[in-house]
Protein backbone atom coordinates (compact mmCIF):
# COMPACT_ATOMS: atom_id res chain seq x y z
CA UNK A 1 37.90 -2.78 5.83
CA UNK A 2 36.03 -6.07 6.31
CA UNK A 3 33.32 -6.98 3.81
CA UNK A 4 30.72 -8.41 6.18
CA UNK A 5 28.58 -9.82 3.34
CA UNK A 6 31.15 -12.59 2.98
CA UNK A 7 31.07 -13.33 6.71
CA UNK A 8 27.40 -13.80 7.73
CA UNK A 9 28.18 -14.55 11.39
CA UNK A 10 30.36 -11.48 11.69
CA UNK A 11 27.67 -9.39 10.02
CA UNK A 12 25.02 -10.74 12.39
CA UNK A 13 27.27 -10.13 15.40
CA UNK A 14 27.98 -6.55 14.35
CA UNK A 15 24.29 -5.92 13.71
CA UNK A 16 23.36 -7.39 17.08
CA UNK A 17 26.03 -5.38 18.89
CA UNK A 18 24.84 -2.13 17.33
CA UNK A 19 21.18 -2.94 17.99
CA UNK A 20 21.81 -3.91 21.61
CA UNK A 21 23.87 -0.84 22.37
CA UNK A 22 21.12 1.39 20.99
CA UNK A 23 18.41 -0.65 22.67
CA UNK A 24 20.02 -0.44 26.09
CA UNK A 25 20.63 3.28 25.71
CA UNK A 26 16.86 3.73 25.47
CA UNK A 27 14.51 3.31 28.38
CA UNK A 28 12.70 -0.04 28.45
CA UNK A 29 9.33 1.68 28.01
CA UNK A 30 10.31 3.09 24.60
CA UNK A 31 9.50 1.04 21.52
CA UNK A 32 12.40 0.37 19.18
CA UNK A 33 11.82 -1.28 15.84
CA UNK A 34 14.67 -3.29 14.34
CA UNK A 35 15.21 -4.67 10.84
CA UNK A 36 15.02 -8.32 9.70
CA UNK A 37 18.79 -8.84 10.04
CA UNK A 38 18.67 -7.75 13.66
CA UNK A 39 15.65 -9.98 14.29
CA UNK A 40 17.71 -12.88 12.94
CA UNK A 41 20.65 -11.97 15.15
CA UNK A 42 18.36 -11.77 18.19
CA UNK A 43 16.83 -15.15 17.32
CA UNK A 44 20.26 -16.77 17.09
CA UNK A 45 21.81 -15.05 20.10
CA UNK A 46 18.92 -15.64 22.50
CA UNK A 47 17.62 -18.94 21.05
CA UNK A 48 14.20 -17.39 20.35
CA UNK A 49 11.72 -19.65 18.56
CA UNK A 50 8.88 -17.51 17.16
CA UNK A 51 5.52 -18.17 18.82
CA UNK A 52 7.11 -20.96 20.86
CA UNK A 53 9.94 -19.91 23.20
CA UNK A 54 11.77 -16.80 24.36
CA UNK A 55 14.89 -18.90 24.87
CA UNK A 56 17.09 -16.83 27.17
CA UNK A 57 15.95 -13.39 25.97
CA UNK A 58 15.62 -10.80 28.75
CA UNK A 59 12.44 -8.66 28.95
CA UNK A 60 14.00 -5.73 27.04
CA UNK A 61 14.84 -8.01 24.10
CA UNK A 62 11.37 -9.59 24.22
CA UNK A 63 9.83 -6.10 24.02
CA UNK A 64 12.05 -5.15 21.09
CA UNK A 65 11.15 -8.43 19.35
CA UNK A 66 7.43 -7.78 19.78
CA UNK A 67 7.58 -4.06 18.96
CA UNK A 68 9.50 -4.87 15.78
CA UNK A 69 7.16 -7.69 14.70
CA UNK A 70 10.17 -10.00 14.51
CA UNK A 71 7.85 -13.04 14.47
CA UNK A 72 7.16 -12.09 10.87
CA UNK A 73 10.31 -10.16 9.92
CA UNK A 74 12.25 -13.33 10.59
CA UNK A 75 10.90 -14.69 7.28
CA UNK A 76 12.76 -12.06 5.28
CA UNK A 77 15.91 -12.73 7.30
CA UNK A 78 15.73 -16.49 6.64
CA UNK A 79 15.00 -15.97 2.96
CA UNK A 80 17.98 -13.66 2.44
CA UNK A 81 20.42 -15.49 4.69
CA UNK A 82 19.70 -19.03 3.51
CA UNK A 83 18.61 -18.32 -0.10
CA UNK A 84 15.13 -19.75 0.37
CA UNK A 85 12.83 -19.62 -2.66
CA UNK A 86 9.28 -19.73 -1.25
CA UNK A 87 7.32 -22.83 -2.35
CA UNK A 88 10.33 -24.09 -4.37
CA UNK A 89 13.55 -24.50 -2.41
CA UNK A 90 14.78 -24.48 1.19
CA UNK A 91 18.14 -23.21 -0.02
CA UNK A 92 20.51 -23.91 2.88
CA UNK A 93 17.88 -23.33 5.59
CA UNK A 94 18.53 -25.75 8.49
CA UNK A 95 15.74 -28.20 9.38
CA UNK A 96 15.09 -26.50 12.74
CA UNK A 97 14.41 -23.22 10.89
CA UNK A 98 12.30 -24.98 8.25
CA UNK A 99 9.96 -25.82 11.13
CA UNK A 100 9.84 -22.12 12.07
CA UNK A 101 9.20 -21.20 8.42
CA UNK A 102 6.21 -23.55 8.30
CA UNK A 103 4.78 -22.70 11.75
CA UNK A 104 1.14 -21.73 11.06
CA UNK A 105 1.45 -18.45 12.98
CA UNK A 106 4.63 -17.46 11.13
CA UNK A 107 3.75 -18.94 7.69
CA UNK A 108 6.67 -17.43 5.81
CA UNK A 109 5.40 -18.43 2.37
CA UNK A 110 2.32 -16.26 2.92
CA UNK A 111 4.30 -13.51 4.70
CA UNK A 112 6.62 -13.06 1.76
CA UNK A 113 3.80 -13.02 -0.77
CA UNK A 114 1.55 -10.69 1.26
CA UNK A 115 3.63 -8.82 3.83
CA UNK A 116 1.62 -7.37 6.74
CA UNK A 117 0.94 -3.65 6.77
CA UNK A 118 3.30 -1.64 8.89
CA UNK A 119 1.85 -1.10 12.34
CA UNK A 120 1.81 2.42 13.69
């Protein structure tokens, strides 16, 4: 058995594979909410930049991203993955993701202090 916590890329790849297989088994018109780890995997795989670029994400992935509120869930993913301490330390967060963290629309420091209400 592989402990994926020690292999973040493997964990992200497995999460993405599972999410994509479920996503594509659903019709495109159905909403499917994913967790922060899957949002992070989608961001990395499709080069998505929240509120800026869809990268190479196809329409089904864009819908999943929006339906899951990944623009904001990505904050939790970055905090956990890169050990960010809001307002204190970037941890190991790469500079390109620090820009995402500080994007006014994303505003991860505020998101993690006052998470948005779940949309229904």
